[in-house]
C-alpha atoms as a PDB file:
ATOM      1  CA  MET A   1      69.304 125.900 102.219  1.00  0.00           C
ATOM      2  CA  PRO A   2      71.336 127.280  99.336  1.00  0.00           C
ATOM      3  CA  THR A   3      73.096 124.390  97.500  1.00  0.00           C
ATOM      4  CA  VAL A   4      75.343 124.045  94.500  1.00  0.00           C
ATOM      5  CA  SER A   5      76.511 120.848  92.858  1.00  0.00           C
ATOM      6  CA  SER A   6      79.118 120.072  90.198  1.00  0.00           C
ATOM      7  CA  SER A   7      80.006 116.781  88.505  1.00  0.00           C
ATOM      8  CA  ILE A   8      82.781 115.897  86.079  1.00  0.00           C
ATOM      9  CA  GLU A   9      84.024 112.747  84.386  1.00  0.00           C
ATOM     10  CA  ILE A  10      87.707 111.916  84.985  1.00  0.00           C
ATOM     11  CA  ALA A  11      89.676 109.448  82.862  1.00  0.00           C
ATOM     12  CA  ALA A  12      91.213 107.699  85.892  1.00  0.00           C
ATOM     13  CA  PRO A  13      90.135 105.054  88.422  1.00  0.00           C
ATOM     14  CA  GLU A  14      88.329 106.215  91.536  1.00  0.00           C
ATOM     15  CA  GLU A  15      91.360 105.362  93.712  1.00  0.00           C
ATOM     16  CA  ARG A  16      93.386 108.162  92.077  1.00  0.00           C
ATOM     17  CA  VAL A  17      90.550 110.647  92.483  1.00  0.00           C
ATOM     18  CA  TRP A  18      90.152 109.554  96.091  1.00  0.00           C
ATOM     19  CA  ASP A  19      93.853 110.074  96.822  1.00  0.00           C
ATOM     20  CA  LEU A  20      93.585 113.718  95.743  1.00  0.00           C
ATOM     21  CA  GLU A  21      90.337 114.301  97.659  1.00  0.00           C
ATOM     22  CA  SER A  22      91.835 112.767 100.802  1.00  0.00           C
ATOM     23  CA  ASP A  23      94.944 114.960 100.982  1.00  0.00           C
ATOM     24  CA  PRO A  24      93.976 118.316 102.539  1.00  0.00           C
ATOM     25  CA  ARG A  25      97.592 119.567 102.255  1.00  0.00           C
ATOM     26  CA  ARG A  26      96.968 119.824  98.487  1.00  0.00           C
ATOM     27  CA  TYR A  27      93.622 121.640  98.672  1.00  0.00           C
ATOM     28  CA  PRO A  28      95.156 125.098  97.964  1.00  0.00           C
ATOM     29  CA  GLU A  29      96.479 123.668  94.636  1.00  0.00           C
ATOM     30  CA  TRP A  30      93.050 122.945  93.242  1.00  0.00           C
ATOM     31  CA  VAL A  31      90.136 123.911  95.529  1.00  0.00           C
ATOM     32  CA  VAL A  32      89.225 127.429  94.341  1.00  0.00           C
ATOM     33  CA  ALA A  33      87.774 128.452  97.702  1.00  0.00           C
ATOM     34  CA  THR A  34      90.864 127.355  99.684  1.00  0.00           C
ATOM     35  CA  ASP A  35      93.614 129.962  99.892  1.00  0.00           C
ATOM     36  CA  ARG A  36      95.761 128.161 102.414  1.00  0.00           C
ATOM     37  CA  MET A  37      95.640 125.381 104.974  1.00  0.00           C
ATOM     38  CA  LEU A  38      96.137 126.388 108.600  1.00  0.00           C
ATOM     39  CA  ASP A  39      96.149 122.927 110.205  1.00  0.00           C
ATOM     40  CA  VAL A  40      95.870 119.435 108.747  1.00  0.00           C
ATOM     41  CA  PRO A  41      95.808 116.038 110.456  1.00  0.00           C
ATOM     42  CA  SER A  42      99.239 114.433 110.432  1.00  0.00           C
ATOM     43  CA  ASP A  43      97.735 110.988 109.766  1.00  0.00           C
ATOM     44  CA  GLY A  44      95.496 112.116 106.861  1.00  0.00           C
ATOM     45  CA  LEU A  45      91.771 112.246 106.554  1.00  0.00           C
ATOM     46  CA  ARG A  46      89.503 109.688 108.196  1.00  0.00           C
ATOM     47  CA  HIS A  47      86.162 109.768 109.941  1.00  0.00           C
ATOM     48  CA  GLY A  48      86.385 112.248 112.793  1.00  0.00           C
ATOM     49  CA  ALA A  49      89.443 114.096 111.413  1.00  0.00           C
ATOM     50  CA  THR A  50      89.491 117.879 111.578  1.00  0.00           C
ATOM     51  CA  TYR A  51      91.371 120.504 109.591  1.00  0.00           C
ATOM     52  CA  ARG A  52      91.437 124.304 109.370  1.00  0.00           C
ATOM     53  CA  GLU A  53      91.778 126.512 106.318  1.00  0.00           C
ATOM     54  CA  TYR A  54      91.572 130.103 105.205  1.00  0.00           C
ATOM     55  CA  GLY A  55      89.426 130.877 102.171  1.00  0.00           C
ATOM     56  CA  GLY A  56      85.950 131.288 100.901  1.00  0.00           C
ATOM     57  CA  VAL A  57      84.214 133.014  98.001  1.00  0.00           C
ATOM     58  CA  ALA A  58      84.668 136.802  97.861  1.00  0.00           C
ATOM     59  CA  PRO A  59      83.555 138.841  99.652  1.00  0.00           C
ATOM     60  CA  PHE A  60      83.166 136.148 102.331  1.00  0.00           C
ATOM     61  CA  LYS A  61      86.679 134.932 103.200  1.00  0.00           C
ATOM     62  CA  SER A  62      87.738 133.799 106.665  1.00  0.00           C
ATOM     63  CA  GLU A  63      89.180 130.950 108.702  1.00  0.00           C
ATOM     64  CA  SER A  64      87.026 127.844 108.903  1.00  0.00           C
ATOM     65  CA  GLU A  65      87.244 124.565 110.772  1.00  0.00           C
ATOM     66  CA  TRP A  66      86.121 121.332 109.121  1.00  0.00           C
ATOM     67  CA  LEU A  67      85.086 117.921 110.511  1.00  0.00           C
ATOM     68  CA  VAL A  68      84.962 114.783 108.397  1.00  0.00           C
ATOM     69  CA  THR A  69      81.684 113.059 109.322  1.00  0.00           C
ATOM     70  CA  VAL A  70      81.559 110.424 106.584  1.00  0.00           C
ATOM     71  CA  PHE A  71      84.574 108.602 105.139  1.00  0.00           C
ATOM     72  CA  GLU A  72      83.707 105.709 102.853  1.00  0.00           C
ATOM     73  CA  PRO A  73      86.978 104.917 100.992  1.00  0.00           C
ATOM     74  CA  HIS A  74      86.934 105.411  97.250  1.00  0.00           C
ATOM     75  CA  ARG A  75      83.237 106.355  97.351  1.00  0.00           C
ATOM     76  CA  ARG A  76      82.063 109.186  99.594  1.00  0.00           C
ATOM     77  CA  GLN A  77      83.142 111.855 102.088  1.00  0.00           C
ATOM     78  CA  VAL A  78      81.141 114.478 103.975  1.00  0.00           C
ATOM     79  CA  HIS A  79      82.948 117.471 105.517  1.00  0.00           C
ATOM     80  CA  LEU A  80      81.152 119.926 107.860  1.00  0.00           C
ATOM     81  CA  GLY A  81      82.690 123.397 107.958  1.00  0.00           C
ATOM     82  CA  ASP A  82      82.082 126.384 110.166  1.00  0.00           C
ATOM     83  CA  ASP A  83      83.571 129.897 109.970  1.00  0.00           C
ATOM     84  CA  GLY A  84      81.425 131.373 112.781  1.00  0.00           C
ATOM     85  CA  THR A  85      78.828 132.917 110.434  1.00  0.00           C
ATOM     86  CA  VAL A  86      78.167 130.096 107.997  1.00  0.00           C
ATOM     87  CA  GLU A  87      77.950 126.331 108.322  1.00  0.00           C
ATOM     88  CA  LEU A  88      78.885 124.381 105.208  1.00  0.00           C
ATOM     89  CA  GLU A  89      78.328 120.776 104.288  1.00  0.00           C
ATOM     90  CA  LEU A  90      80.517 119.440 101.463  1.00  0.00           C
ATOM     91  CA  THR A  91      79.603 116.050 100.075  1.00  0.00           C
ATOM     92  CA  ILE A  92      82.213 114.433  97.828  1.00  0.00           C
ATOM     93  CA  GLU A  93      81.061 111.448  95.759  1.00  0.00           C
ATOM     94  CA  ILE A  94      83.160 109.340  93.425  1.00  0.00           C
ATOM     95  CA  GLU A  95      81.592 106.655  91.272  1.00  0.00           C
ATOM     96  CA  PRO A  96      83.184 104.306  88.726  1.00  0.00           C
ATOM     97  CA  ILE A  97      82.067 104.801  85.125  1.00  0.00           C
ATOM     98  CA  ASP A  98      83.263 103.315  81.829  1.00  0.00           C
ATOM     99  CA  GLY A  99      86.753 104.691  81.238  1.00  0.00           C
ATOM    100  CA  GLY A 100      87.180 106.306  84.664  1.00  0.00           C
ATOM    101  CA  SER A 101      85.241 107.983  87.431  1.00  0.00           C
ATOM    102  CA  ARG A 102      82.603 110.581  88.001  1.00  0.00           C
ATOM    103  CA  LEU A 103      83.388 113.155  90.702  1.00  0.00           C
ATOM    104  CA  THR A 104      80.593 115.188  92.306  1.00  0.00           C
ATOM    105  CA  HIS A 105      80.981 118.032  94.830  1.00  0.00           C
ATOM    106  CA  THR A 106      77.778 119.231  96.482  1.00  0.00           C
ATOM    107  CA  LEU A 107      77.956 122.213  98.836  1.00  0.00           C
ATOM    108  CA  GLU A 108      75.152 123.216 101.149  1.00  0.00           C
ATOM    109  CA  VAL A 109      75.389 126.652 102.793  1.00  0.00           C
ATOM    110  CA  ARG A 110      73.665 127.417 106.123  1.00  0.00           C
ATOM    111  CA  PRO A 111      74.169 131.062 107.086  1.00  0.00           C
ATOM    112  CA  ARG A 112      73.525 132.206 110.641  1.00  0.00           C
ATOM    113  CA  GLY A 113      72.660 135.512 112.285  1.00  0.00           C
ATOM    114  CA  MET A 114      72.740 138.709 110.228  1.00  0.00           C
ATOM    115  CA  LEU A 115      74.417 136.883 107.342  1.00  0.00           C
ATOM    116  CA  ALA A 116      71.304 134.734 106.914  1.00  0.00           C
ATOM    117  CA  ALA A 117      69.205 137.797 106.009  1.00  0.00           C
ATOM    118  CA  LEU A 118      71.940 139.199 103.741  1.00  0.00           C
ATOM    119  CA  LEU A 119      72.408 135.893 101.948  1.00  0.00           C
ATOM    120  CA  ARG A 120      68.669 135.581 101.314  1.00  0.00           C
ATOM    121  CA  VAL A 121      69.019 138.716  99.144  1.00  0.00           C
ATOM    122  CA  MET A 122      72.543 138.091  97.734  1.00  0.00           C
ATOM    123  CA  TRP A 123      72.126 134.369  96.992  1.00  0.00           C
ATOM    124  CA  PRO A 124      69.876 134.647  93.942  1.00  0.00           C
ATOM    125  CA  LEU A 125      71.507 137.863  92.739  1.00  0.00           C
ATOM    126  CA  VAL A 126      75.234 137.163  93.096  1.00  0.00           C
ATOM    127  CA  MET A 127      76.438 134.450  95.463  1.00  0.00           C
ATOM    128  CA  ARG A 128      74.861 131.428  93.825  1.00  0.00           C
ATOM    129  CA  ARG A 129      76.665 132.123  90.528  1.00  0.00           C
ATOM    130  CA  ARG A 130      79.983 132.823  92.285  1.00  0.00           C
ATOM    131  CA  LEU A 131      79.756 129.656  94.357  1.00  0.00           C
ATOM    132  CA  GLN A 132      78.671 127.572  91.367  1.00  0.00           C
ATOM    133  CA  ARG A 133      81.638 128.880  89.318  1.00  0.00           C
ATOM    134  CA  SER A 134      83.995 128.108  92.174  1.00  0.00           C
ATOM    135  CA  ASN A 135      82.608 124.564  92.526  1.00  0.00           C
ATOM    136  CA  ASP A 136      82.709 123.953  88.770  1.00  0.00           C
ATOM    137  CA  GLN A 137      86.332 125.119  88.543  1.00  0.00           C
ATOM    138  CA  THR A 138      87.290 123.011  91.566  1.00  0.00           C
ATOM    139  CA  VAL A 139      86.116 119.739  90.029  1.00  0.00           C
ATOM    140  CA  ALA A 140      87.734 120.740  86.694  1.00  0.00           C
ATOM    141  CA  ASN A 141      91.005 121.382  88.570  1.00  0.00           C
ATOM    142  CA  ALA A 142      90.705 117.933  90.174  1.00  0.00           C
ATOM    143  CA  ARG A 143      90.289 116.359  86.744  1.00  0.00           C
ATOM    144  CA  ARG A 144      93.333 118.236  85.403  1.00  0.00           C
ATOM    145  CA  LEU A 145      95.549 117.069  88.276  1.00  0.00           C
ATOM    146  CA  VAL A 146      94.361 113.456  88.310  1.00  0.00           C
ATOM    147  CA  GLU A 147      94.518 113.014  84.554  1.00  0.00           C
ATOM    148  CA  SER A 148      97.997 114.589  84.396  1.00  0.00           C
ATOM    149  CA  GLY A 149      99.277 112.064  86.944  1.00  0.00           C
ATOM    150  CA  SER A 150      99.924 114.723  89.615  1.00  0.00           C
ATOM    151  CA  THR A 151      98.174 112.689  92.328  1.00  0.00           C
END
């Protein structure tokens, strides 16, 4: 399965990082692959919560639905996404370190149907770099927001 992972150190406690990660209404502000939210849970994220968004990495943009399958406060979340052609598994990990927190986003991509064959060719040539850049910029955006006190 194609996978990308990005980590960054943030000069803030894990609770502040967790607050940003747990507010899907704010994803369009900092998650590069999220253009807009279509539906978010009124009571916030928790195990079993679902949300819908529009986004992706060009040229693959569409609506997707996400399910939170793991929700370990201040430590770990796993979100399973599906846009009809690709299943995605996003693992968010936050760990305390001296002077702050380390945030890691790992994204596993599971294409289906005709897209699976296309991605086998495009992944090493183009898509892996695009997805890695998107993931790297997303965690950098999280650091900027958390360290600026915008959480």
